[in-house]
Each structure stands twice: as structure tokens, then as C-alpha cells.
């Protein structure tokens, strides 16, 4: 009975997205529900991630996600902005800090990363539910900046750039994409396994179970978006 109720909640979300003229997001959700499809996908993504080999990992992820359409980041923003009063301000704060801390990245990368960080502020490891979303956001941004700078330093050699068929000027945006991919897969897989949970500010969006599924699906949309951007270069 619980599984049936959860499925009906997902259908309600899809209907709501259609009324908001967000048919692309509704279609995306359809391809990852029921939940077993989503869990299977996140496990498959986790299995190919090798933090020592970012370009090889991205190459392996592309065919795994090829059945999913690309959803604009504005679609994700529109949905969560309509549901969470803090979302817009969290994204704006992320944009400002990233612009100052990572001035090398493009506006497009900043835009996508800021949406991801705003959403991730409501995701914590199990046992850390007492943290406030804004404090969690600050932690996430700090982690993101550190990881992005580290990638940029490690991948800056001409040999590594040539081996990945990218130009030196691509490195900042590739760093953003890679950090999003690693963090996003960790969150999506963790939510599915129960090692990561949602803060109460987000959990009440519709129902805690369905919200967890929608958040995980939204995270996957962002992964698809950044991988598509990489291959569009």
C-alpha cells in the first residue's frame, strides 16, 4: 500500500509540472519512476566513478545516461522556487560567492553550480538533521570551491589537457562539472540507501518519501546537463 501511495504522489507531482508548463521535467521523471529505476541508475553511476580518472569516468557515464533528455536548469529552479521560500536566496548567495571565489568559471557554470548548491543545502548525512539549511549551504559552498580549485590545479598540465581533448581555457568549467558530478552522485546514491536524508524544511514539500525521489531525480537532471555541456564543447 505504501508503494502505491508513493507512486500516486509522484503522479501528482508530474501533473503539477504539466500545469506549470514544465512537460520536459515531467517526461524526465517518467523515465526514472517507479523508484526502482532511479535506484538502479544511481547504483550504476556510482559503480563507474573513479576520482583518479575524471575524463574516463565522464566518458563511461555518458552512455549510461543517454536515455534521458536534457532539462534546462531554469526548469529545476522554477519548480523548487515555487516550493521552497529559501531556494532563490540560497542560489543568489551561491552565485555571489562562486563569482568571487572562482572568477575563472563561466556564467553558465556558475548558474548550474549555484542551483546544485542551493538544492544540496537541504541534504545532510543521516544524524546531522539538526543543522540549519543556511549553515549547510555555507559548508557545501566551501567544499565545492576547495574541490574545484584542487581539480584545476591537478589538471592544469598541458599533457593532461591534450589527453582529454580539451583546451586549457576549458579547465575551470570542467572542474565545476566534475565536482558537481561526484558530489551529485554521492547525494543521489546516498538518499537511495538512506545514508543521506533531507532536512525538514524540504521534506515537507509534498511528502518525505516522494520529495526524496524528486530531489534525487533533480540531481540526476543536473548531472545530465553538465555532461551534455562537456560533450558540446
C-alpha atoms as a PDB file:
ATOM      1  CA  UNK A   1       0.000   0.000   0.000  1.00  0.00           C
ATOM      2  CA  UNK A   2       2.833   2.397   0.848  1.00  0.00           C
ATOM      3  CA  UNK A   3       4.435   1.873  -2.568  1.00  0.00           C
ATOM      4  CA  UNK A   4       1.113   2.606  -4.249  1.00  0.00           C
ATOM      5  CA  UNK A   5       0.701   5.826  -2.256  1.00  0.00           C
ATOM      6  CA  UNK A   6       4.246   6.895  -3.116  1.00  0.00           C
ATOM      7  CA  UNK A   7       3.592   6.288  -6.787  1.00  0.00           C
ATOM      8  CA  UNK A   8       0.401   8.368  -6.679  1.00  0.00           C
ATOM      9  CA  UNK A   9       2.367  11.197  -5.068  1.00  0.00           C
ATOM     10  CA  UNK A  10       4.845  11.098  -7.952  1.00  0.00           C
ATOM     11  CA  UNK A  11       1.944  11.228 -10.411  1.00  0.00           C
ATOM     12  CA  UNK A  12       0.612  14.298  -8.610  1.00  0.00           C
ATOM     13  CA  UNK A  13       3.998  15.987  -8.966  1.00  0.00           C
ATOM     14  CA  UNK A  14       4.069  15.190 -12.683  1.00  0.00           C
ATOM     15  CA  UNK A  15       0.566  16.595 -13.135  1.00  0.00           C
ATOM     16  CA  UNK A  16       1.584  19.724 -11.265  1.00  0.00           C
ATOM     17  CA  UNK A  17       4.605  20.169 -13.533  1.00  0.00           C
ATOM     18  CA  UNK A  18       2.358  19.909 -16.568  1.00  0.00           C
ATOM     19  CA  UNK A  19       0.160  22.702 -15.203  1.00  0.00           C
ATOM     20  CA  UNK A  20       3.347  24.766 -14.814  1.00  0.00           C
ATOM     21  CA  UNK A  21       4.142  24.046 -18.499  1.00  0.00           C
ATOM     22  CA  UNK A  22       7.181  22.005 -17.494  1.00  0.00           C
ATOM     23  CA  UNK A  23       6.492  18.988 -19.691  1.00  0.00           C
ATOM     24  CA  UNK A  24      10.212  18.289 -20.186  1.00  0.00           C
ATOM     25  CA  UNK A  25      10.746  17.770 -16.458  1.00  0.00           C
ATOM     26  CA  UNK A  26       7.596  15.660 -16.227  1.00  0.00           C
ATOM     27  CA  UNK A  27       8.883  13.473 -19.061  1.00  0.00           C
ATOM     28  CA  UNK A  28      12.254  13.154 -17.326  1.00  0.00           C
ATOM     29  CA  UNK A  29      10.559  11.995 -14.115  1.00  0.00           C
ATOM     30  CA  UNK A  30       8.559   9.407 -16.067  1.00  0.00           C
ATOM     31  CA  UNK A  31      11.783   7.750 -17.201  1.00  0.00           C
ATOM     32  CA  UNK A  32      13.021   7.328 -13.611  1.00  0.00           C
ATOM     33  CA  UNK A  33       9.883   6.145 -11.866  1.00  0.00           C
ATOM     34  CA  UNK A  34       8.938   3.874 -10.220  1.00  0.00           C
ATOM     35  CA  UNK A  35      11.741   4.357  -7.716  1.00  0.00           C
ATOM     36  CA  UNK A  36      13.474   1.078  -8.530  1.00  0.00           C
ATOM     37  CA  UNK A  37      14.584   2.601 -11.868  1.00  0.00           C
ATOM     38  CA  UNK A  38      16.131   5.572 -10.098  1.00  0.00           C
ATOM     39  CA  UNK A  39      17.940   3.411  -7.544  1.00  0.00           C
ATOM     40  CA  UNK A  40      19.263   1.155 -10.299  1.00  0.00           C
ATOM     41  CA  UNK A  41      20.592   4.155 -12.209  1.00  0.00           C
ATOM     42  CA  UNK A  42      22.314   5.768  -9.214  1.00  0.00           C
ATOM     43  CA  UNK A  43      23.996   2.461  -8.333  1.00  0.00           C
ATOM     44  CA  UNK A  44      25.212   2.082 -11.903  1.00  0.00           C
ATOM     45  CA  UNK A  45      26.605   5.628 -11.910  1.00  0.00           C
ATOM     46  CA  UNK A  46      28.342   5.086  -8.584  1.00  0.00           C
ATOM     47  CA  UNK A  47      29.995   1.917  -9.887  1.00  0.00           C
ATOM     48  CA  UNK A  48      31.829   3.717 -12.694  1.00  0.00           C
ATOM     49  CA  UNK A  49      33.067   6.758 -10.753  1.00  0.00           C
ATOM     50  CA  UNK A  50      36.839   6.822 -10.389  1.00  0.00           C
ATOM     51  CA  UNK A  51      38.030  10.059  -8.787  1.00  0.00           C
ATOM     52  CA  UNK A  52      41.522   9.436 -10.159  1.00  0.00           C
ATOM     53  CA  UNK A  53      40.219   9.324 -13.738  1.00  0.00           C
ATOM     54  CA  UNK A  54      37.684  12.113 -14.271  1.00  0.00           C
ATOM     55  CA  UNK A  55      37.667  12.127 -18.072  1.00  0.00           C
ATOM     56  CA  UNK A  56      37.352   8.346 -18.281  1.00  0.00           C
ATOM     57  CA  UNK A  57      34.528   8.431 -15.748  1.00  0.00           C
ATOM     58  CA  UNK A  58      32.606  11.071 -17.695  1.00  0.00           C
ATOM     59  CA  UNK A  59      33.046   9.008 -20.862  1.00  0.00           C
ATOM     60  CA  UNK A  60      31.517   5.971 -19.092  1.00  0.00           C
ATOM     61  CA  UNK A  61      28.654   7.997 -17.616  1.00  0.00           C
ATOM     62  CA  UNK A  62      27.517   9.432 -20.951  1.00  0.00           C
ATOM     63  CA  UNK A  63      26.053   6.171 -22.390  1.00  0.00           C
ATOM     64  CA  UNK A  64      24.528   5.257 -19.026  1.00  0.00           C
ATOM     65  CA  UNK A  65      22.527   8.496 -19.092  1.00  0.00           C
ATOM     66  CA  UNK A  66      21.886   8.628 -22.842  1.00  0.00           C
ATOM     67  CA  UNK A  67      18.219   7.576 -22.480  1.00  0.00           C
ATOM     68  CA  UNK A  68      17.434  10.740 -20.514  1.00  0.00           C
ATOM     69  CA  UNK A  69      16.560  14.074 -22.133  1.00  0.00           C
ATOM     70  CA  UNK A  70      18.288  17.317 -21.158  1.00  0.00           C
ATOM     71  CA  UNK A  71      16.227  19.544 -18.881  1.00  0.00           C
ATOM     72  CA  UNK A  72      17.074  23.248 -18.611  1.00  0.00           C
ATOM     73  CA  UNK A  73      18.373  24.346 -15.232  1.00  0.00           C
ATOM     74  CA  UNK A  74      15.699  27.064 -15.265  1.00  0.00           C
ATOM     75  CA  UNK A  75      13.083  24.309 -15.106  1.00  0.00           C
ATOM     76  CA  UNK A  76      14.577  22.922 -11.912  1.00  0.00           C
ATOM     77  CA  UNK A  77      14.853  26.442 -10.492  1.00  0.00           C
ATOM     78  CA  UNK A  78      11.249  27.238 -11.308  1.00  0.00           C
ATOM     79  CA  UNK A  79       9.948  24.121  -9.598  1.00  0.00           C
ATOM     80  CA  UNK A  80      11.913  24.439  -6.364  1.00  0.00           C
ATOM     81  CA  UNK A  81      11.469  28.208  -6.188  1.00  0.00           C
ATOM     82  CA  UNK A  82       7.722  27.607  -6.189  1.00  0.00           C
ATOM     83  CA  UNK A  83       8.072  25.166  -3.297  1.00  0.00           C
ATOM     84  CA  UNK A  84      10.898  26.459  -1.087  1.00  0.00           C
ATOM     85  CA  UNK A  85      10.980  30.076   0.056  1.00  0.00           C
ATOM     86  CA  UNK A  86      14.747  29.950   0.671  1.00  0.00           C
ATOM     87  CA  UNK A  87      15.717  28.484  -2.683  1.00  0.00           C
ATOM     88  CA  UNK A  88      16.127  31.758  -4.617  1.00  0.00           C
ATOM     89  CA  UNK A  89      18.143  33.462  -1.898  1.00  0.00           C
ATOM     90  CA  UNK A  90      20.326  30.372  -1.469  1.00  0.00           C
ATOM     91  CA  UNK A  91      21.033  30.282  -5.198  1.00  0.00           C
ATOM     92  CA  UNK A  92      21.822  34.002  -5.234  1.00  0.00           C
ATOM     93  CA  UNK A  93      24.243  33.617  -2.316  1.00  0.00           C
ATOM     94  CA  UNK A  94      25.935  30.702  -4.082  1.00  0.00           C
ATOM     95  CA  UNK A  95      26.281  32.709  -7.302  1.00  0.00           C
ATOM     96  CA  UNK A  96      27.904  35.622  -5.487  1.00  0.00           C
ATOM     97  CA  UNK A  97      30.390  33.510  -3.551  1.00  0.00           C
ATOM     98  CA  UNK A  98      31.338  31.417  -6.589  1.00  0.00           C
ATOM     99  CA  UNK A  99      31.868  34.540  -8.680  1.00  0.00           C
ATOM    100  CA  UNK A 100      34.292  35.873  -6.086  1.00  0.00           C
ATOM    101  CA  UNK A 101      35.975  32.572  -5.212  1.00  0.00           C
ATOM    102  CA  UNK A 102      36.109  31.053  -8.709  1.00  0.00           C
ATOM    103  CA  UNK A 103      36.273  34.024 -11.087  1.00  0.00           C
ATOM    104  CA  UNK A 104      37.644  31.816 -13.887  1.00  0.00           C
ATOM    105  CA  UNK A 105      34.413  29.870 -14.376  1.00  0.00           C
ATOM    106  CA  UNK A 106      31.798  30.898 -16.936  1.00  0.00           C
ATOM    107  CA  UNK A 107      28.430  32.405 -16.052  1.00  0.00           C
ATOM    108  CA  UNK A 108      26.771  29.222 -17.320  1.00  0.00           C
ATOM    109  CA  UNK A 109      28.802  27.015 -14.993  1.00  0.00           C
ATOM    110  CA  UNK A 110      28.151  29.388 -12.117  1.00  0.00           C
ATOM    111  CA  UNK A 111      24.414  29.255 -12.843  1.00  0.00           C
ATOM    112  CA  UNK A 112      24.252  25.450 -12.845  1.00  0.00           C
ATOM    113  CA  UNK A 113      26.551  25.069  -9.839  1.00  0.00           C
ATOM    114  CA  UNK A 114      24.533  27.584  -7.835  1.00  0.00           C
ATOM    115  CA  UNK A 115      21.307  25.665  -8.452  1.00  0.00           C
ATOM    116  CA  UNK A 116      23.008  22.457  -7.402  1.00  0.00           C
ATOM    117  CA  UNK A 117      24.391  24.056  -4.237  1.00  0.00           C
ATOM    118  CA  UNK A 118      21.035  25.592  -3.326  1.00  0.00           C
ATOM    119  CA  UNK A 119      19.399  22.171  -3.598  1.00  0.00           C
ATOM    120  CA  UNK A 120      22.232  20.387  -1.794  1.00  0.00           C
ATOM    121  CA  UNK A 121      21.827  22.687   1.213  1.00  0.00           C
ATOM    122  CA  UNK A 122      18.787  20.609   2.197  1.00  0.00           C
ATOM    123  CA  UNK A 123      20.671  17.292   2.015  1.00  0.00           C
ATOM    124  CA  UNK A 124      22.668  16.023   5.003  1.00  0.00           C
ATOM    125  CA  UNK A 125      24.194  12.804   6.220  1.00  0.00           C
ATOM    126  CA  UNK A 126      21.946  10.810   8.491  1.00  0.00           C
ATOM    127  CA  UNK A 127      22.358  12.006  12.067  1.00  0.00           C
ATOM    128  CA  UNK A 128      23.027  15.636  11.074  1.00  0.00           C
ATOM    129  CA  UNK A 129      19.387  16.691  10.776  1.00  0.00           C
ATOM    130  CA  UNK A 130      19.768  19.429  13.392  1.00  0.00           C
ATOM    131  CA  UNK A 131      21.854  21.637  11.102  1.00  0.00           C
ATOM    132  CA  UNK A 132      20.189  24.710   9.600  1.00  0.00           C
ATOM    133  CA  UNK A 133      19.941  24.783   5.780  1.00  0.00           C
ATOM    134  CA  UNK A 134      21.807  28.101   5.511  1.00  0.00           C
ATOM    135  CA  UNK A 135      24.717  26.760   7.568  1.00  0.00           C
ATOM    136  CA  UNK A 136      24.719  23.607   5.498  1.00  0.00           C
ATOM    137  CA  UNK A 137      24.807  25.742   2.356  1.00  0.00           C
ATOM    138  CA  UNK A 138      27.931  27.540   3.583  1.00  0.00           C
ATOM    139  CA  UNK A 139      29.597  24.170   4.187  1.00  0.00           C
ATOM    140  CA  UNK A 140      28.601  22.885   0.748  1.00  0.00           C
ATOM    141  CA  UNK A 141      29.925  26.016  -0.982  1.00  0.00           C
ATOM    142  CA  UNK A 142      33.232  25.769   0.880  1.00  0.00           C
ATOM    143  CA  UNK A 143      33.579  22.093  -0.067  1.00  0.00           C
ATOM    144  CA  UNK A 144      32.699  22.897  -3.664  1.00  0.00           C
ATOM    145  CA  UNK A 145      35.241  25.695  -4.002  1.00  0.00           C
ATOM    146  CA  UNK A 146      38.039  23.624  -2.451  1.00  0.00           C
ATOM    147  CA  UNK A 147      37.329  20.616  -4.681  1.00  0.00           C
ATOM    148  CA  UNK A 148      37.059  22.772  -7.802  1.00  0.00           C
ATOM    149  CA  UNK A 149      40.362  24.538  -7.151  1.00  0.00           C
ATOM    150  CA  UNK A 150      42.036  21.189  -6.481  1.00  0.00           C
ATOM    151  CA  UNK A 151      40.823  19.801  -9.820  1.00  0.00           C
ATOM    152  CA  UNK A 152      42.034  22.910 -11.641  1.00  0.00           C
ATOM    153  CA  UNK A 153      45.499  22.540 -10.135  1.00  0.00           C
ATOM    154  CA  UNK A 154      45.716  18.807 -10.857  1.00  0.00           C
ATOM    155  CA  UNK A 155      44.519  19.064 -14.470  1.00  0.00           C
ATOM    156  CA  UNK A 156      46.454  22.155 -15.496  1.00  0.00           C
ATOM    157  CA  UNK A 157      49.379  20.380 -17.182  1.00  0.00           C
ATOM    158  CA  UNK A 158      49.460  20.512 -20.977  1.00  0.00           C
ATOM    159  CA  UNK A 159      49.797  16.702 -21.207  1.00  0.00           C
ATOM    160  CA  UNK A 160      46.601  16.062 -19.260  1.00  0.00           C
ATOM    161  CA  UNK A 161      44.688  18.693 -21.200  1.00  0.00           C
ATOM    162  CA  UNK A 162      45.694  17.193 -24.561  1.00  0.00           C
ATOM    163  CA  UNK A 163      44.850  13.666 -23.419  1.00  0.00           C
ATOM    164  CA  UNK A 164      41.331  14.804 -22.569  1.00  0.00           C
ATOM    165  CA  UNK A 165      40.876  16.654 -25.911  1.00  0.00           C
ATOM    166  CA  UNK A 166      40.160  19.901 -24.086  1.00  0.00           C
ATOM    167  CA  UNK A 167      41.775  23.316 -24.170  1.00  0.00           C
ATOM    168  CA  UNK A 168      43.465  24.973 -21.218  1.00  0.00           C
ATOM    169  CA  UNK A 169      40.683  27.547 -21.000  1.00  0.00           C
ATOM    170  CA  UNK A 170      38.130  24.732 -20.578  1.00  0.00           C
ATOM    171  CA  UNK A 171      39.652  23.562 -17.284  1.00  0.00           C
ATOM    172  CA  UNK A 172      37.713  25.855 -14.881  1.00  0.00           C
ATOM    173  CA  UNK A 173      34.340  24.801 -16.294  1.00  0.00           C
ATOM    174  CA  UNK A 174      35.409  21.159 -16.500  1.00  0.00           C
ATOM    175  CA  UNK A 175      36.386  21.394 -12.844  1.00  0.00           C
ATOM    176  CA  UNK A 176      32.921  22.663 -11.947  1.00  0.00           C
ATOM    177  CA  UNK A 177      31.271  19.897 -13.966  1.00  0.00           C
ATOM    178  CA  UNK A 178      33.422  17.179 -12.395  1.00  0.00           C
ATOM    179  CA  UNK A 179      32.821  18.355  -8.823  1.00  0.00           C
ATOM    180  CA  UNK A 180      29.077  18.546  -9.476  1.00  0.00           C
ATOM    181  CA  UNK A 181      29.113  15.009 -10.896  1.00  0.00           C
ATOM    182  CA  UNK A 182      30.990  13.499  -7.942  1.00  0.00           C
ATOM    183  CA  UNK A 183      29.005  15.329  -5.262  1.00  0.00           C
ATOM    184  CA  UNK A 184      25.683  14.780  -7.051  1.00  0.00           C
ATOM    185  CA  UNK A 185      26.161  11.033  -7.470  1.00  0.00           C
ATOM    186  CA  UNK A 186      27.175  10.760  -3.810  1.00  0.00           C
ATOM    187  CA  UNK A 187      23.992  12.565  -2.742  1.00  0.00           C
ATOM    188  CA  UNK A 188      21.632  10.715  -5.102  1.00  0.00           C
ATOM    189  CA  UNK A 189      23.024   7.287  -4.206  1.00  0.00           C
ATOM    190  CA  UNK A 190      23.122   8.196  -0.509  1.00  0.00           C
ATOM    191  CA  UNK A 191      19.480   9.267  -0.487  1.00  0.00           C
ATOM    192  CA  UNK A 192      18.535   5.957  -2.084  1.00  0.00           C
ATOM    193  CA  UNK A 193      20.490   3.987   0.525  1.00  0.00           C
ATOM    194  CA  UNK A 194      19.343   6.114   3.458  1.00  0.00           C
ATOM    195  CA  UNK A 195      22.810   7.394   4.371  1.00  0.00           C
ATOM    196  CA  UNK A 196      21.758  10.897   3.300  1.00  0.00           C
ATOM    197  CA  UNK A 197      18.447  12.458   4.321  1.00  0.00           C
ATOM    198  CA  UNK A 198      16.517  15.654   3.675  1.00  0.00           C
ATOM    199  CA  UNK A 199      16.203  18.479   6.157  1.00  0.00           C
ATOM    200  CA  UNK A 200      12.695  19.152   7.426  1.00  0.00           C
ATOM    201  CA  UNK A 201      12.473  22.438   5.507  1.00  0.00           C
ATOM    202  CA  UNK A 202      12.451  20.423   2.285  1.00  0.00           C
ATOM    203  CA  UNK A 203      10.929  17.184   3.489  1.00  0.00           C
ATOM    204  CA  UNK A 204       7.542  18.847   3.894  1.00  0.00           C
ATOM    205  CA  UNK A 205       7.423  19.877   0.244  1.00  0.00           C
ATOM    206  CA  UNK A 206       4.855  17.152  -0.536  1.00  0.00           C
ATOM    207  CA  UNK A 207       5.630  14.007   1.402  1.00  0.00           C
ATOM    208  CA  UNK A 208       9.033  12.978   2.657  1.00  0.00           C
ATOM    209  CA  UNK A 209       9.343   9.859   0.521  1.00  0.00           C
ATOM    210  CA  UNK A 210       8.226  11.471  -2.738  1.00  0.00           C
ATOM    211  CA  UNK A 211      10.303  14.568  -2.053  1.00  0.00           C
ATOM    212  CA  UNK A 212      13.420  12.415  -1.661  1.00  0.00           C
ATOM    213  CA  UNK A 213      12.699  10.829  -5.047  1.00  0.00           C
ATOM    214  CA  UNK A 214      12.134  14.211  -6.719  1.00  0.00           C
ATOM    215  CA  UNK A 215      15.316  15.648  -5.216  1.00  0.00           C
ATOM    216  CA  UNK A 216      17.322  12.645  -6.447  1.00  0.00           C
ATOM    217  CA  UNK A 217      15.779  12.935  -9.910  1.00  0.00           C
ATOM    218  CA  UNK A 218      16.562  16.661  -9.960  1.00  0.00           C
ATOM    219  CA  UNK A 219      20.164  15.891  -9.072  1.00  0.00           C
ATOM    220  CA  UNK A 220      20.314  13.445 -11.985  1.00  0.00           C
ATOM    221  CA  UNK A 221      18.954  16.147 -14.328  1.00  0.00           C
ATOM    222  CA  UNK A 222      21.876  18.361 -13.321  1.00  0.00           C
ATOM    223  CA  UNK A 223      24.365  15.544 -13.968  1.00  0.00           C
ATOM    224  CA  UNK A 224      22.869  15.019 -17.447  1.00  0.00           C
ATOM    225  CA  UNK A 225      23.065  18.764 -18.057  1.00  0.00           C
ATOM    226  CA  UNK A 226      26.761  19.145 -17.171  1.00  0.00           C
ATOM    227  CA  UNK A 227      27.799  16.029 -19.097  1.00  0.00           C
ATOM    228  CA  UNK A 228      25.897  17.306 -22.126  1.00  0.00           C
ATOM    229  CA  UNK A 229      27.676  20.634 -21.780  1.00  0.00           C
ATOM    230  CA  UNK A 230      31.071  18.921 -21.677  1.00  0.00           C
ATOM    231  CA  UNK A 231      30.398  16.987 -24.868  1.00  0.00           C
ATOM    232  CA  UNK A 232      29.004  20.083 -26.529  1.00  0.00           C
ATOM    233  CA  UNK A 233      32.403  21.777 -26.341  1.00  0.00           C
END
